[in-house]
Amino acid sequence: MSLFSRKKTETVAGPQVVLQVEGMHCNSCGPLIDDELEELPGVRSATTDMRTGRTTVRLEEGADVDTAALIAAVEGAGDYTARPAA
C-alpha cells in the first residue's frame, strides 16, 4: 500500500498541457496554482512541481480548453508568469 497521495501517483490518460511557471517562492505556491487551474471547466487535474517550475494540466477527454485560459488562471493565482513549456 502506497503512503503517497493518489493525486501524485495515479496515471491519467488523455490530453495534457505543460506550462513553465516562474515566480514561485515557497511550497504553498504549487497548491495555489493547482487549485486555480482545477476550477476551470474541462480541467481534470493540475500538478505543479516547484523544483522544475512546471505545471502539468490534465484535461478531460474532448475538452476544448484554450492555453491562454490556463495561463491566465496561473497568473491569476498570484504573482506568477506562465508560458507553454518547451
C-alpha atoms as a PDB file:
ATOM      1  CA  MET A   1       0.000   0.000   0.000  1.00  0.00           C
ATOM      2  CA  SER A   2       1.394   3.374  -1.018  1.00  0.00           C
ATOM      3  CA  LEU A   3       1.848   6.154   1.507  1.00  0.00           C
ATOM      4  CA  PHE A   4       1.761   8.759  -1.249  1.00  0.00           C
ATOM      5  CA  SER A   5      -1.225  10.810  -2.311  1.00  0.00           C
ATOM      6  CA  ARG A   6      -3.287   9.210  -5.071  1.00  0.00           C
ATOM      7  CA  LYS A   7      -3.261  12.517  -6.950  1.00  0.00           C
ATOM      8  CA  LYS A   8       0.525  12.340  -7.262  1.00  0.00           C
ATOM      9  CA  THR A   9       0.790   8.651  -8.177  1.00  0.00           C
ATOM     10  CA  GLU A  10      -2.169   7.912 -10.418  1.00  0.00           C
ATOM     11  CA  THR A  11      -1.633   7.603 -14.150  1.00  0.00           C
ATOM     12  CA  VAL A  12      -4.134   9.662 -16.070  1.00  0.00           C
ATOM     13  CA  ALA A  13      -4.588   9.117 -19.775  1.00  0.00           C
ATOM     14  CA  GLY A  14      -5.804  11.872 -22.024  1.00  0.00           C
ATOM     15  CA  PRO A  15      -4.668  15.225 -23.279  1.00  0.00           C
ATOM     16  CA  GLN A  16      -2.403  17.391 -21.208  1.00  0.00           C
ATOM     17  CA  VAL A  17      -0.691  20.762 -21.353  1.00  0.00           C
ATOM     18  CA  VAL A  18       2.617  21.506 -19.646  1.00  0.00           C
ATOM     19  CA  LEU A  19       3.316  25.081 -18.578  1.00  0.00           C
ATOM     20  CA  GLN A  20       6.553  26.659 -17.421  1.00  0.00           C
ATOM     21  CA  VAL A  21       5.792  28.819 -14.368  1.00  0.00           C
ATOM     22  CA  GLU A  22       8.025  31.499 -12.890  1.00  0.00           C
ATOM     23  CA  GLY A  23       7.640  33.430  -9.652  1.00  0.00           C
ATOM     24  CA  MET A  24       7.068  30.535  -7.254  1.00  0.00           C
ATOM     25  CA  HIS A  25       8.901  31.139  -3.990  1.00  0.00           C
ATOM     26  CA  CYS A  26       7.507  28.698  -1.412  1.00  0.00           C
ATOM     27  CA  ASN A  27       5.826  25.321  -1.072  1.00  0.00           C
ATOM     28  CA  SER A  28       2.383  26.932  -0.939  1.00  0.00           C
ATOM     29  CA  CYS A  29       2.680  28.221  -4.496  1.00  0.00           C
ATOM     30  CA  GLY A  30       2.084  24.858  -6.193  1.00  0.00           C
ATOM     31  CA  PRO A  31      -1.220  24.074  -4.483  1.00  0.00           C
ATOM     32  CA  LEU A  32      -2.469  27.627  -5.109  1.00  0.00           C
ATOM     33  CA  ILE A  33      -1.763  27.260  -8.824  1.00  0.00           C
ATOM     34  CA  ASP A  34      -3.248  23.755  -8.950  1.00  0.00           C
ATOM     35  CA  ASP A  35      -6.452  24.859  -7.214  1.00  0.00           C
ATOM     36  CA  GLU A  36      -6.901  27.801  -9.577  1.00  0.00           C
ATOM     37  CA  LEU A  37      -6.445  25.602 -12.654  1.00  0.00           C
ATOM     38  CA  GLU A  38      -8.735  22.871 -11.360  1.00  0.00           C
ATOM     39  CA  GLU A  39     -11.585  25.398 -11.152  1.00  0.00           C
ATOM     40  CA  LEU A  40     -11.581  25.735 -14.948  1.00  0.00           C
ATOM     41  CA  PRO A  41     -14.162  23.719 -16.905  1.00  0.00           C
ATOM     42  CA  GLY A  42     -12.511  20.859 -18.771  1.00  0.00           C
ATOM     43  CA  VAL A  43      -9.522  20.560 -16.419  1.00  0.00           C
ATOM     44  CA  ARG A  44      -9.290  17.127 -14.788  1.00  0.00           C
ATOM     45  CA  SER A  45      -6.263  17.839 -12.601  1.00  0.00           C
ATOM     46  CA  ALA A  46      -3.197  20.026 -12.250  1.00  0.00           C
ATOM     47  CA  THR A  47       0.126  19.175 -10.644  1.00  0.00           C
ATOM     48  CA  THR A  48       2.846  21.760 -10.078  1.00  0.00           C
ATOM     49  CA  ASP A  49       6.459  20.789  -9.421  1.00  0.00           C
ATOM     50  CA  MET A  50       8.242  23.704  -7.780  1.00  0.00           C
ATOM     51  CA  ARG A  51      11.668  22.146  -8.394  1.00  0.00           C
ATOM     52  CA  THR A  52      11.219  22.152 -12.178  1.00  0.00           C
ATOM     53  CA  GLY A  53       8.851  25.118 -12.367  1.00  0.00           C
ATOM     54  CA  ARG A  54       6.448  23.053 -14.452  1.00  0.00           C
ATOM     55  CA  THR A  55       2.728  22.572 -14.119  1.00  0.00           C
ATOM     56  CA  THR A  56       1.099  19.617 -15.846  1.00  0.00           C
ATOM     57  CA  VAL A  57      -2.567  20.197 -16.594  1.00  0.00           C
ATOM     58  CA  ARG A  58      -4.588  17.102 -17.483  1.00  0.00           C
ATOM     59  CA  LEU A  59      -7.717  17.793 -19.484  1.00  0.00           C
ATOM     60  CA  GLU A  60     -10.999  15.946 -19.733  1.00  0.00           C
ATOM     61  CA  GLU A  61     -11.274  13.877 -22.895  1.00  0.00           C
ATOM     62  CA  GLY A  62     -12.731  16.100 -25.643  1.00  0.00           C
ATOM     63  CA  ALA A  63     -12.411  19.287 -23.581  1.00  0.00           C
ATOM     64  CA  ASP A  64     -11.828  22.494 -25.512  1.00  0.00           C
ATOM     65  CA  VAL A  65      -9.576  24.409 -23.132  1.00  0.00           C
ATOM     66  CA  ASP A  66      -7.543  27.295 -24.511  1.00  0.00           C
ATOM     67  CA  THR A  67      -3.899  27.507 -23.418  1.00  0.00           C
ATOM     68  CA  ALA A  68      -4.383  31.253 -22.891  1.00  0.00           C
ATOM     69  CA  ALA A  69      -7.104  30.470 -20.300  1.00  0.00           C
ATOM     70  CA  LEU A  70      -4.701  28.143 -18.470  1.00  0.00           C
ATOM     71  CA  ILE A  71      -2.004  30.820 -18.450  1.00  0.00           C
ATOM     72  CA  ALA A  72      -4.499  33.432 -17.209  1.00  0.00           C
ATOM     73  CA  ALA A  73      -5.537  31.103 -14.366  1.00  0.00           C
ATOM     74  CA  VAL A  74      -1.910  30.593 -13.290  1.00  0.00           C
ATOM     75  CA  GLU A  75      -1.204  34.316 -13.398  1.00  0.00           C
ATOM     76  CA  GLY A  76      -4.453  34.994 -11.536  1.00  0.00           C
ATOM     77  CA  ALA A  77      -3.349  32.721  -8.685  1.00  0.00           C
ATOM     78  CA  GLY A  78      -0.594  35.120  -7.629  1.00  0.00           C
ATOM     79  CA  ASP A  79       2.473  36.955  -8.849  1.00  0.00           C
ATOM     80  CA  TYR A  80       3.359  34.271 -11.413  1.00  0.00           C
ATOM     81  CA  THR A  81       4.105  34.235 -15.105  1.00  0.00           C
ATOM     82  CA  ALA A  82       3.457  31.223 -17.281  1.00  0.00           C
ATOM     83  CA  ARG A  83       4.081  30.066 -20.828  1.00  0.00           C
ATOM     84  CA  PRO A  84       3.824  26.742 -22.668  1.00  0.00           C
ATOM     85  CA  ALA A  85       6.826  24.582 -21.756  1.00  0.00           C
ATOM     86  CA  ALA A  86       9.319  23.767 -24.484  1.00  0.00           C
END
